[in-house]
Amino acid sequence: MFEGQPKGLFALALANTGERFGYYTMIAVFALFLRANFGLTPAMAGTIYSSFLMFVYFFPLIGGIMADKFGFGRMVTTGIIIMFLGYLLLAVPLGGDKVALIVMLAALLLIGFGTGLFKGNLQVMVGNLYDDAKYASKRDAGFSIFYMAINIGALFAPTAAIKIKEYAETALGYSSNDAYHFSFAVACASLILSIAIYYAFRFTFRHTEGGKKQAVKGEQAVSAEPELTKEETKQRIIALCLVFAVVIFFWMAFHQNGLSLTYFADEFTANKSEGVESMAFNVWNLVAIIFIVYAGFSLFQSKTQRGKLISTAVIVAAAAFLYWSYTRLTGSVDVSAPIFQHFNPFYVVALTPVSMAIFASLASKGKEPSAPRKIAYGMLVAASAFALLAIFSYGLPMPEMVPDASGNMVGKHVADVTPKLLIFTYLILTFGELLLSPMGISFVSKVAPPKYKGMMMGGWFVATAIGNQLVLVGGVLWGKVPLWVCWSVFLGVCLVAALFMFAMMKRLERVA
């Protein structure tokens, strides 16, 4: 799986892992923080949450345009510095008045702009690694590995957010609302780790950074590619815009994980778990499963006896840990709403080698679907996840609001739906994500005209930004319509987007 990949891939992936860990630590509790700290309604909290996500994914367009002129590496470094300042502001507990709200909004703007300079340009650099002919065939697999690696950071983020908040409350004596800021402070530390990794291993990918010092190399790289006519350039840009239009609706639905799906976890899902099910809420048990999956692949793929023995030892050790963890189960464990967000990155990390093996097998038979077709399948899979939610939410009561100890209106826990529903929903959504997101990024890096790589990768993120702004639909619908109707809205948009994608398939596959 990792053989034949450029060394720079792993350095760039790890640099992004640190940044994503901090980002998702914040995101795991952000919607709940808005409601608890400022007493906002679900709709208003959803508006702020979705607007922030929109800016995070809109600014890569500006970052890409700037990088096409000044270099990708320079923008990545600048982005980390700006993000650090934003997270630092967010980490300061200022209470819940207007000043605190203004400071928070300023922090979100800095984080959004900094991420815009960092995120898209780092991924363009990953794509540039595969402009070398000897790595060209590894592009899709490389982006799958990159996507898996950054989700390792997201896997630990919800647990970190919850544990740090609990520590601030119990050990340090901070109020429930002020304790949220300690979760936000984690992002500052994670960015320091990211920039350290970036510069420590810069020698493995420096040739992808662009900028004045590499102008000659850049010109040579461009000239090595087939010269595109104006018509070919136009066709490629149109194809990319069609894909962008479709992914808007995927992210609109998928990023309900931090909003309406978190509300559902908080207000409708049982906050206790027992038996084997409870093991899923301990991140170290999930890590053990990941070790078993990867060691299992290594066992069958290893060409040496030593490699097979090491893989077997890892499997036995991980299985022994799981058994030990099972024997220590006593009674029930508390299930906090943000913890459900660790299932998506867990599934991404655990299932990436499975999906890569499936597509490698199909490729060997000449049957691997094109990237556009994978994206369309991803939309259908996402639709099925919301169909599942709609079916099992039918007949549940409407959400209710009640005042907390501070007089703020918060969601009332009104039902105890089994946690298995959300666990399985996140599994299905992750299948859709693995078909759509890494394949979409790979498609952009491959199809984008050489002179507009930064801008086109920015276009991918603008589509994501629009989808993230539409996430607010979940907050607006929450408490206004029955839950099954809320989920059916996202089911519908995913189905329509999939049908549109299939209708445009011939046009898209001509440039793929």
Protein backbone atom coordinates (compact mmCIF):
# COMPACT_ATOMS: atom_id res chain seq x y z
CA MET A 1 0.00 0.00 0.00
CA PHE A 2 2.81 2.39 0.89
CA GLU A 3 5.32 1.05 -1.61
CA GLY A 4 6.39 3.22 -4.52
CA GLN A 5 5.05 6.46 -3.04
CA PRO A 6 7.19 9.65 -3.00
CA LYS A 7 8.76 10.37 0.40
CA GLY A 8 7.33 13.88 0.43
CA LEU A 9 3.82 12.42 0.67
CA PHE A 10 4.34 11.20 4.24
CA ALA A 11 5.92 14.46 5.43
CA LEU A 12 3.08 16.57 4.00
CA ALA A 13 0.48 14.16 5.38
CA LEU A 14 1.93 14.32 8.90
CA ALA A 15 2.13 18.12 8.76
CA ASN A 16 -1.58 18.15 7.92
CA THR A 17 -2.33 15.56 10.63
CA GLY A 18 -1.24 17.94 13.38
CA GLU A 19 -3.28 20.82 11.99
CA ARG A 20 -6.37 18.65 11.56
CA PHE A 21 -6.09 17.34 15.14
CA GLY A 22 -6.36 20.89 16.48
CA TYR A 23 -9.14 21.83 14.07
CA TYR A 24 -11.32 18.83 14.88
CA THR A 25 -10.71 19.18 18.61
CA MET A 26 -12.31 22.59 18.30
CA ILE A 27 -15.09 21.46 15.93
CA ALA A 28 -16.07 18.56 18.21
CA VAL A 29 -17.45 20.91 20.87
CA PHE A 30 -17.93 24.16 18.98
CA ALA A 31 -21.69 23.95 18.27
CA LEU A 32 -22.41 22.95 21.88
CA PHE A 33 -20.13 25.77 23.11
CA LEU A 34 -22.06 28.36 21.11
CA ARG A 35 -25.36 27.30 22.66
CA ALA A 36 -24.01 26.94 26.21
CA ASN A 37 -21.74 30.00 26.38
CA PHE A 38 -23.82 32.54 24.47
CA GLY A 39 -27.31 31.09 24.95
CA LEU A 40 -27.90 30.89 21.20
CA THR A 41 -30.81 29.08 19.58
CA PRO A 42 -30.04 25.98 17.47
CA ALA A 43 -30.66 28.04 14.32
CA MET A 44 -28.33 30.89 15.32
CA ALA A 45 -25.63 28.50 16.53
CA GLY A 46 -26.02 26.63 13.26
CA THR A 47 -25.65 29.86 11.27
CA ILE A 48 -22.38 30.76 13.00
CA TYR A 49 -21.10 27.18 12.76
CA SER A 50 -21.90 26.83 9.07
CA SER A 51 -20.57 30.31 8.26
CA PHE A 52 -17.28 29.43 9.90
CA LEU A 53 -17.05 26.21 7.90
CA MET A 54 -17.89 28.21 4.79
CA PHE A 55 -15.00 30.64 5.36
CA VAL A 56 -12.61 27.77 6.15
CA TYR A 57 -13.31 26.32 2.72
CA PHE A 58 -13.86 29.56 0.77
CA PHE A 59 -10.52 31.17 1.56
CA PRO A 60 -8.52 28.41 -0.21
CA LEU A 61 -9.63 30.07 -3.47
CA ILE A 62 -7.84 33.27 -2.44
CA GLY A 63 -4.97 31.21 -1.06
CA GLY A 64 -4.69 29.31 -4.34
CA ILE A 65 -4.64 32.49 -6.45
CA MET A 66 -1.95 33.95 -4.18
CA ALA A 67 0.05 30.72 -4.32
CA ASP A 68 -0.02 30.64 -8.14
CA LYS A 69 1.86 33.96 -7.92
CA PHE A 70 3.97 33.71 -4.75
CA GLY A 71 4.46 29.97 -4.27
CA PHE A 72 2.63 27.24 -2.40
CA GLY A 73 5.19 26.78 0.37
CA ARG A 74 5.18 30.44 1.36
CA MET A 75 1.40 30.47 1.67
CA VAL A 76 1.40 27.27 3.77
CA THR A 77 3.81 28.81 6.31
CA THR A 78 1.90 32.10 6.42
CA GLY A 79 -1.35 30.21 6.92
CA ILE A 80 -0.06 28.33 9.95
CA ILE A 81 1.01 31.58 11.63
CA ILE A 82 -2.37 33.23 11.03
CA MET A 83 -4.25 30.14 12.25
CA PHE A 84 -2.16 30.10 15.42
CA LEU A 85 -3.19 33.67 16.23
CA GLY A 86 -6.86 32.80 15.68
CA TYR A 87 -6.81 29.73 17.93
CA LEU A 88 -4.92 31.72 20.56
CA LEU A 89 -7.75 34.29 20.67
CA LEU A 90 -10.35 31.54 20.83
CA ALA A 91 -8.54 29.91 23.75
CA VAL A 92 -8.98 32.97 26.00
CA PRO A 93 -12.06 32.64 28.28
CA LEU A 94 -13.83 36.01 28.12
CA GLY A 95 -17.32 35.02 29.24
CA GLY A 96 -20.50 35.27 27.21
CA ASP A 97 -21.05 39.01 26.61
CA LYS A 98 -20.89 40.99 23.37
CA VAL A 99 -17.15 41.63 23.66
CA ALA A 100 -16.52 37.90 23.98
CA LEU A 101 -18.75 37.26 20.97
CA ILE A 102 -16.87 39.84 18.85
CA VAL A 103 -13.48 38.40 19.86
CA MET A 104 -14.71 34.92 19.00
CA LEU A 105 -15.89 36.03 15.57
CA ALA A 106 -12.53 37.72 14.92
CA ALA A 107 -10.77 34.50 15.93
CA LEU A 108 -12.95 32.51 13.53
CA LEU A 109 -12.07 34.90 10.70
CA LEU A 110 -8.33 34.47 11.35
CA ILE A 111 -8.66 30.69 11.55
CA GLY A 112 -10.67 30.62 8.34
CA PHE A 113 -8.19 32.78 6.41
CA GLY A 114 -5.16 30.94 7.76
CA THR A 115 -6.70 27.59 6.85
CA GLY A 116 -7.40 28.96 3.39
CA LEU A 117 -3.72 29.67 2.86
CA PHE A 118 -2.65 26.32 4.33
CA LYS A 119 -5.09 23.59 3.39
CA GLY A 120 -5.56 23.84 -0.37
CA ASN A 121 -1.96 24.72 -1.14
CA LEU A 122 -0.62 21.80 0.87
CA GLN A 123 -2.82 19.49 -1.19
CA VAL A 124 -1.61 21.07 -4.44
CA MET A 125 1.92 20.27 -3.29
CA VAL A 126 0.86 16.65 -2.74
CA GLY A 127 -0.52 16.58 -6.28
CA ASN A 128 2.72 18.09 -7.64
CA LEU A 129 4.63 15.09 -6.27
CA TYR A 130 2.83 12.97 -8.88
CA ASP A 131 3.71 15.15 -11.86
CA ASP A 132 6.85 13.02 -12.01
CA ALA A 133 6.13 10.25 -14.54
CA LYS A 134 7.40 7.47 -12.24
CA TYR A 135 4.74 8.35 -9.64
CA ALA A 136 1.86 9.25 -11.98
CA SER A 137 0.06 5.91 -11.66
CA LYS A 138 0.14 6.22 -7.85
CA ARG A 139 -1.83 9.48 -7.70
CA ASP A 140 -5.23 8.14 -6.52
CA ALA A 141 -3.59 5.79 -4.02
CA GLY A 142 -1.39 8.63 -2.78
CA PHE A 143 -4.34 10.87 -2.08
CA SER A 144 -6.10 8.02 -0.29
CA ILE A 145 -3.05 7.61 1.98
CA PHE A 146 -2.88 11.37 2.51
CA TYR A 147 -6.57 11.47 3.39
CA MET A 148 -6.17 8.55 5.78
CA ALA A 149 -3.20 10.16 7.54
CA ILE A 150 -4.89 13.46 8.23
CA ASN A 151 -7.86 11.60 9.70
CA ILE A 152 -5.59 10.13 12.35
CA GLY A 153 -5.56 13.60 13.88
CA ALA A 154 -9.34 13.82 13.65
CA LEU A 155 -9.68 10.39 15.31
CA PHE A 156 -8.17 11.53 18.61
CA ALA A 157 -9.73 15.01 18.53
CA PRO A 158 -13.18 14.32 20.11
CA THR A 159 -11.64 12.36 22.99
CA ALA A 160 -9.07 15.11 23.55
CA ALA A 161 -11.77 17.80 23.51
CA ILE A 162 -13.90 15.98 26.09
CA LYS A 163 -11.06 14.94 28.41
CA ILE A 164 -9.42 18.37 28.42
CA LYS A 165 -12.75 20.05 29.13
CA GLU A 166 -13.44 17.62 31.99
CA TYR A 167 -9.95 18.20 33.41
CA ALA A 168 -10.45 21.97 33.36
CA GLU A 169 -13.74 21.57 35.23
CA THR A 170 -12.74 19.00 37.85
CA ALA A 171 -9.03 19.56 38.44
CA LEU A 172 -8.72 23.28 37.73
CA GLY A 173 -12.16 24.37 38.91
CA TYR A 174 -13.24 26.26 35.80
CA SER A 175 -16.92 26.69 34.99
CA SER A 176 -18.47 24.48 32.36
CA ASN A 177 -18.48 27.26 29.77
CA ASP A 178 -14.91 28.47 30.42
CA ALA A 179 -13.62 24.89 30.27
CA TYR A 180 -14.44 24.76 26.55
CA HIS A 181 -11.56 27.17 25.90
CA PHE A 182 -9.03 24.59 27.05
CA SER A 183 -10.21 22.35 24.22
CA PHE A 184 -9.61 25.22 21.81
CA ALA A 185 -6.08 25.76 23.18
CA VAL A 186 -5.10 22.30 21.96
CA ALA A 187 -5.15 23.64 18.41
CA CYS A 188 -2.33 26.08 19.24
CA ALA A 189 -0.06 23.25 20.35
CA SER A 190 -0.96 21.10 17.35
CA LEU A 191 0.03 23.88 14.93
CA ILE A 192 3.46 24.12 16.53
CA LEU A 193 3.85 20.39 15.86
CA SER A 194 2.69 20.82 12.26
CA ILE A 195 5.18 23.55 11.40
CA ALA A 196 7.97 21.55 13.08
CA ILE A 197 7.21 18.50 10.92
CA TYR A 198 6.92 20.66 7.80
CA TYR A 199 10.37 22.21 8.16
CA ALA A 200 12.08 19.09 9.51
CA PHE A 201 11.21 17.12 6.36
CA ARG A 202 11.01 19.97 3.88
CA PHE A 203 13.87 18.51 1.84
CA THR A 204 11.56 15.70 0.66
CA PHE A 205 9.05 18.01 -1.04
CA ARG A 206 10.74 21.38 -1.49
CA HIS A 207 10.61 21.01 -5.26
CA THR A 208 6.79 21.21 -5.10
CA GLU A 209 6.62 24.56 -3.26
CA GLY A 210 6.84 26.85 -6.29
CA GLY A 211 7.84 30.52 -5.95
CA LYS A 212 10.50 32.68 -7.54
CA LYS A 213 13.44 30.46 -6.60
CA GLN A 214 11.88 27.61 -8.49
CA ALA A 215 10.52 29.55 -11.45
CA VAL A 216 12.77 27.78 -13.92
CA LYS A 217 11.93 24.33 -12.53
CA GLY A 218 8.25 25.25 -12.59
CA GLU A 219 8.44 26.28 -16.23
CA GLN A 220 10.19 23.03 -17.08
CA ALA A 221 7.52 21.02 -15.24
CA VAL A 222 4.76 22.80 -17.12
CA SER A 223 6.46 22.38 -20.47
CA ALA A 224 6.84 18.65 -19.79
CA GLU A 225 3.07 18.30 -19.83
CA PRO A 226 1.09 18.29 -23.09
CA GLU A 227 0.38 21.83 -24.26
CA LEU A 228 -3.33 22.54 -23.88
CA THR A 229 -5.32 24.48 -26.44
CA LYS A 230 -7.80 27.10 -25.30
CA GLU A 231 -10.63 24.69 -26.05
CA GLU A 232 -9.02 21.89 -24.00
CA THR A 233 -8.45 24.27 -21.11
CA LYS A 234 -12.07 25.35 -21.31
CA GLN A 235 -13.32 21.75 -21.34
CA ARG A 236 -11.26 20.90 -18.28
CA ILE A 237 -12.46 23.91 -16.32
CA ILE A 238 -16.10 23.19 -17.23
CA ALA A 239 -15.69 19.56 -16.13
CA LEU A 240 -14.22 20.66 -12.82
CA CYS A 241 -17.05 23.15 -12.28
CA LEU A 242 -19.61 20.38 -12.84
CA VAL A 243 -17.91 18.30 -10.16
CA PHE A 244 -17.77 21.31 -7.85
CA ALA A 245 -21.53 21.79 -8.27
CA VAL A 246 -22.19 18.21 -7.16
CA VAL A 247 -19.90 18.13 -4.12
CA ILE A 248 -21.68 21.18 -2.68
CA PHE A 249 -24.57 18.93 -1.71
CA PHE A 250 -22.37 16.18 -0.32
CA TRP A 251 -20.72 18.54 2.16
CA MET A 252 -24.07 20.13 3.00
CA ALA A 253 -25.20 16.71 4.16
CA PHE A 254 -21.93 15.25 5.45
CA HIS A 255 -21.02 18.15 7.74
CA GLN A 256 -24.22 17.73 9.67
CA ASN A 257 -21.90 15.63 11.85
CA GLY A 258 -20.94 18.76 13.79
CA LEU A 259 -24.47 20.24 13.88
CA SER A 260 -27.76 18.34 13.59
CA LEU A 261 -26.13 14.93 14.11
CA THR A 262 -24.46 16.29 17.26
CA TYR A 263 -27.81 17.71 18.38
CA PHE A 264 -29.31 14.26 17.74
CA ALA A 265 -26.55 12.62 19.77
CA ASP A 266 -27.09 15.09 22.61
CA GLU A 267 -30.89 15.12 22.76
CA PHE A 268 -32.08 11.80 21.31
CA THR A 269 -29.33 9.23 21.76
CA ALA A 270 -28.79 7.25 24.96
CA ASN A 271 -26.05 8.83 27.09
CA LYS A 272 -25.07 5.47 28.60
CA SER A 273 -23.63 2.40 26.93
CA GLU A 274 -22.91 -1.12 28.17
CA GLY A 275 -21.11 -4.27 27.10
CA VAL A 276 -19.22 -4.61 23.84
CA GLU A 277 -20.92 -1.51 22.44
CA SER A 278 -19.34 0.63 25.18
CA MET A 279 -15.86 -0.37 23.96
CA ALA A 280 -16.47 1.68 20.82
CA PHE A 281 -16.40 4.88 22.87
CA ASN A 282 -12.82 4.31 24.01
CA VAL A 283 -10.48 5.63 21.32
CA TRP A 284 -7.70 3.19 22.28
CA ASN A 285 -9.95 0.24 21.46
CA LEU A 286 -10.47 1.75 18.02
CA VAL A 287 -6.72 2.20 17.64
CA ALA A 288 -6.25 -1.50 18.45
CA ILE A 289 -8.70 -2.42 15.68
CA ILE A 290 -6.77 -0.19 13.26
CA PHE A 291 -3.56 -2.02 14.16
CA ILE A 292 -5.26 -5.36 13.47
CA VAL A 293 -6.49 -4.16 10.06
CA TYR A 294 -3.12 -2.84 8.93
CA ALA A 295 -1.17 -5.76 10.37
CA GLY A 296 -3.59 -8.10 8.62
CA PHE A 297 -2.85 -6.49 5.25
CA SER A 298 0.87 -6.54 6.02
CA LEU A 299 0.67 -10.23 6.92
CA PHE A 300 -0.68 -11.17 3.50
CA GLN A 301 1.44 -8.70 1.54
CA SER A 302 4.78 -9.18 3.32
CA LYS A 303 7.44 -10.88 1.21
CA THR A 304 9.66 -11.95 4.11
CA GLN A 305 9.19 -14.34 7.02
CA ARG A 306 10.35 -11.64 9.41
CA GLY A 307 7.65 -9.28 8.15
CA LYS A 308 4.98 -11.94 8.58
CA LEU A 309 6.12 -12.66 12.14
CA ILE A 310 6.04 -8.98 13.07
CA SER A 311 2.56 -8.60 11.59
CA THR A 312 1.33 -11.65 13.47
CA ALA A 313 2.79 -10.32 16.73
CA VAL A 314 1.01 -6.97 16.23
CA ILE A 315 -2.32 -8.72 15.60
CA VAL A 316 -1.94 -10.90 18.70
CA ALA A 317 -0.94 -7.92 20.87
CA ALA A 318 -3.84 -5.77 19.64
CA ALA A 319 -6.33 -8.62 20.10
CA ALA A 320 -4.98 -9.25 23.61
CA PHE A 321 -5.45 -5.58 24.43
CA LEU A 322 -9.07 -5.71 23.24
CA TYR A 323 -9.71 -8.82 25.34
CA TRP A 324 -8.13 -7.15 28.37
CA SER A 325 -10.27 -4.06 27.76
CA TYR A 326 -13.36 -6.25 27.54
CA THR A 327 -12.59 -8.01 30.86
CA ARG A 328 -12.41 -4.62 32.59
CA LEU A 329 -15.94 -3.63 31.62
CA THR A 330 -18.08 -2.90 34.67
CA GLY A 331 -21.53 -1.41 34.37
CA SER A 332 -22.19 1.35 31.89
CA VAL A 333 -20.03 4.18 30.54
CA ASP A 334 -21.07 7.77 29.94
CA VAL A 335 -21.52 8.73 26.29
CA SER A 336 -20.95 12.41 25.52
CA ALA A 337 -22.40 13.78 22.27
CA PRO A 338 -19.07 14.99 20.76
CA ILE A 339 -17.50 11.51 21.09
CA PHE A 340 -19.60 10.25 18.18
CA GLN A 341 -17.44 12.39 15.91
CA HIS A 342 -14.48 10.05 16.36
CA PHE A 343 -16.23 7.30 14.40
CA ASN A 344 -15.86 9.01 11.03
CA PRO A 345 -12.06 9.42 11.18
CA PHE A 346 -11.76 5.93 12.68
CA TYR A 347 -13.61 4.46 9.73
CA VAL A 348 -11.52 6.52 7.28
CA VAL A 349 -8.26 5.24 8.74
CA ALA A 350 -9.45 1.63 9.13
CA LEU A 351 -11.18 1.35 5.75
CA THR A 352 -8.66 3.14 3.52
CA PRO A 353 -6.52 0.01 2.94
CA VAL A 354 -9.71 -1.95 2.26
CA SER A 355 -10.91 0.54 -0.37
CA MET A 356 -7.43 0.73 -1.91
CA ALA A 357 -7.27 -3.07 -2.15
CA ILE A 358 -10.70 -3.21 -3.79
CA PHE A 359 -9.82 -0.56 -6.38
CA ALA A 360 -6.40 -2.11 -7.01
CA SER A 361 -8.10 -5.43 -7.71
CA LEU A 362 -10.59 -3.77 -10.06
CA ALA A 363 -7.77 -1.88 -11.77
CA SER A 364 -5.87 -5.12 -12.42
CA LYS A 365 -8.95 -6.39 -14.23
CA GLY A 366 -9.49 -3.12 -16.09
CA LYS A 367 -12.74 -2.49 -14.24
CA GLU A 368 -11.83 0.33 -11.82
CA PRO A 369 -14.46 3.13 -11.97
CA SER A 370 -13.29 6.57 -13.06
CA ALA A 371 -12.96 9.29 -10.43
CA PRO A 372 -16.21 11.02 -11.55
CA ARG A 373 -18.08 7.70 -11.30
CA LYS A 374 -16.70 7.11 -7.80
CA ILE A 375 -17.96 10.56 -6.80
CA ALA A 376 -21.45 9.74 -8.10
CA TYR A 377 -21.46 6.46 -6.15
CA GLY A 378 -20.37 8.39 -3.07
CA MET A 379 -23.46 10.60 -3.35
CA LEU A 380 -25.71 7.52 -3.51
CA VAL A 381 -24.05 6.04 -0.43
CA ALA A 382 -24.49 9.31 1.50
CA ALA A 383 -28.18 9.32 0.55
CA SER A 384 -28.59 5.82 2.00
CA ALA A 385 -27.16 7.00 5.34
CA PHE A 386 -29.84 9.66 5.69
CA ALA A 387 -32.48 7.19 4.53
CA LEU A 388 -31.47 5.01 7.49
CA LEU A 389 -31.77 7.96 9.87
CA ALA A 390 -35.15 8.95 8.46
CA ILE A 391 -36.55 5.43 8.90
CA PHE A 392 -35.41 5.03 12.49
CA SER A 393 -36.34 8.60 13.47
CA TYR A 394 -39.95 8.19 12.36
CA GLY A 395 -42.23 8.67 15.36
CA LEU A 396 -39.63 10.29 17.63
CA PRO A 397 -40.80 13.41 19.53
CA MET A 398 -39.91 16.94 18.46
CA PRO A 399 -36.77 18.56 19.99
CA GLU A 400 -37.43 20.72 23.07
CA MET A 401 -35.62 23.70 24.64
CA VAL A 402 -35.23 24.22 28.40
CA PRO A 403 -33.29 26.78 30.50
CA ASP A 404 -30.02 25.63 32.08
CA ALA A 405 -28.60 26.79 35.44
CA SER A 406 -27.51 30.09 33.86
CA GLY A 407 -30.86 30.72 32.25
CA ASN A 408 -29.64 29.92 28.74
CA MET A 409 -31.96 27.86 26.57
CA VAL A 410 -30.42 24.48 25.73
CA GLY A 411 -31.64 21.28 24.13
CA LYS A 412 -33.52 18.85 26.38
CA HIS A 413 -32.71 15.13 26.32
CA VAL A 414 -36.04 13.67 25.21
CA ALA A 415 -35.24 10.13 23.99
CA ASP A 416 -32.75 7.27 24.37
CA VAL A 417 -32.18 5.94 20.87
CA THR A 418 -29.51 3.23 20.73
CA PRO A 419 -26.02 4.61 19.94
CA LYS A 420 -25.75 1.90 17.28
CA LEU A 421 -27.87 4.04 14.95
CA LEU A 422 -25.32 6.86 14.82
CA ILE A 423 -22.37 4.45 14.82
CA PHE A 424 -23.75 2.73 11.73
CA THR A 425 -24.78 6.02 10.11
CA TYR A 426 -21.22 7.31 10.38
CA LEU A 427 -19.97 4.07 8.84
CA ILE A 428 -22.17 4.55 5.76
CA LEU A 429 -21.29 8.25 5.47
CA THR A 430 -17.60 7.34 5.61
CA PHE A 431 -18.00 4.90 2.70
CA GLY A 432 -19.46 7.82 0.76
CA GLU A 433 -16.65 10.13 1.84
CA LEU A 434 -13.93 7.69 0.77
CA LEU A 435 -15.53 7.46 -2.67
CA LEU A 436 -15.91 11.20 -3.04
CA SER A 437 -13.37 13.30 -1.17
CA PRO A 438 -9.90 11.84 -1.88
CA MET A 439 -11.00 10.91 -5.40
CA GLY A 440 -12.32 14.42 -5.99
CA ILE A 441 -9.08 16.05 -4.83
CA SER A 442 -7.07 13.65 -6.99
CA PHE A 443 -9.33 14.46 -9.97
CA VAL A 444 -8.76 18.20 -9.51
CA SER A 445 -4.98 17.83 -9.22
CA LYS A 446 -4.94 15.71 -12.39
CA VAL A 447 -7.39 17.63 -14.61
CA ALA A 448 -6.66 21.24 -13.61
CA PRO A 449 -4.80 23.16 -16.34
CA PRO A 450 -1.16 23.58 -15.18
CA LYS A 451 -1.35 27.38 -15.01
CA TYR A 452 -4.45 27.29 -12.80
CA LYS A 453 -3.72 24.47 -10.35
CA GLY A 454 -3.91 26.68 -7.27
CA MET A 455 -7.10 28.37 -8.43
CA MET A 456 -8.81 25.10 -9.36
CA MET A 457 -7.93 23.47 -6.05
CA GLY A 458 -9.34 26.63 -4.49
CA GLY A 459 -12.47 26.05 -6.57
CA TRP A 460 -12.87 22.61 -4.98
CA PHE A 461 -12.78 24.24 -1.58
CA VAL A 462 -15.21 26.99 -2.62
CA ALA A 463 -17.68 24.27 -3.53
CA THR A 464 -17.04 22.76 -0.11
CA ALA A 465 -17.51 26.23 1.41
CA ILE A 466 -20.92 26.67 -0.20
CA GLY A 467 -21.92 23.23 1.02
CA ASN A 468 -20.74 24.13 4.50
CA GLN A 469 -22.78 27.32 4.47
CA LEU A 470 -25.81 25.22 3.57
CA VAL A 471 -25.13 23.10 6.66
CA LEU A 472 -27.20 25.72 8.49
CA VAL A 473 -30.27 24.07 6.97
CA GLY A 474 -29.93 21.39 9.65
CA GLY A 475 -30.01 24.02 12.39
CA VAL A 476 -32.95 25.85 10.83
CA LEU A 477 -34.98 22.65 10.51
CA TRP A 478 -34.10 21.45 14.02
CA GLY A 479 -37.20 21.72 16.19
CA LYS A 480 -39.31 23.05 13.31
CA VAL A 481 -40.11 19.77 11.53
CA PRO A 482 -40.19 16.09 12.57
CA LEU A 483 -36.76 14.49 12.56
CA TRP A 484 -37.56 12.13 9.70
CA VAL A 485 -38.42 15.15 7.52
CA CYS A 486 -35.12 16.82 8.46
CA TRP A 487 -33.10 13.76 7.42
CA SER A 488 -35.21 13.32 4.27
CA VAL A 489 -34.12 16.77 3.06
CA PHE A 490 -30.50 15.63 3.01
CA LEU A 491 -31.50 12.32 1.48
CA GLY A 492 -33.19 14.20 -1.35
CA VAL A 493 -30.33 16.58 -2.17
CA CYS A 494 -27.82 13.70 -2.27
CA LEU A 495 -30.02 11.72 -4.67
CA VAL A 496 -30.56 14.70 -6.99
CA ALA A 497 -26.80 15.43 -7.03
CA ALA A 498 -26.02 11.78 -7.84
CA LEU A 499 -28.49 11.75 -10.74
CA PHE A 500 -26.98 14.98 -12.11
CA MET A 501 -23.50 13.46 -11.88
CA PHE A 502 -24.54 10.36 -13.82
CA ALA A 503 -26.19 12.56 -16.47
CA MET A 504 -22.88 14.43 -16.98
CA MET A 505 -20.69 11.30 -16.79
CA LYS A 506 -19.62 11.04 -20.44
CA ARG A 507 -18.50 14.65 -20.47
CA LEU A 508 -16.54 14.22 -17.24
CA GLU A 509 -14.87 10.97 -18.22
CA ARG A 510 -13.54 12.49 -21.45
CA VAL A 511 -11.09 14.63 -19.45
CA ALA A 512 -10.49 12.23 -16.52
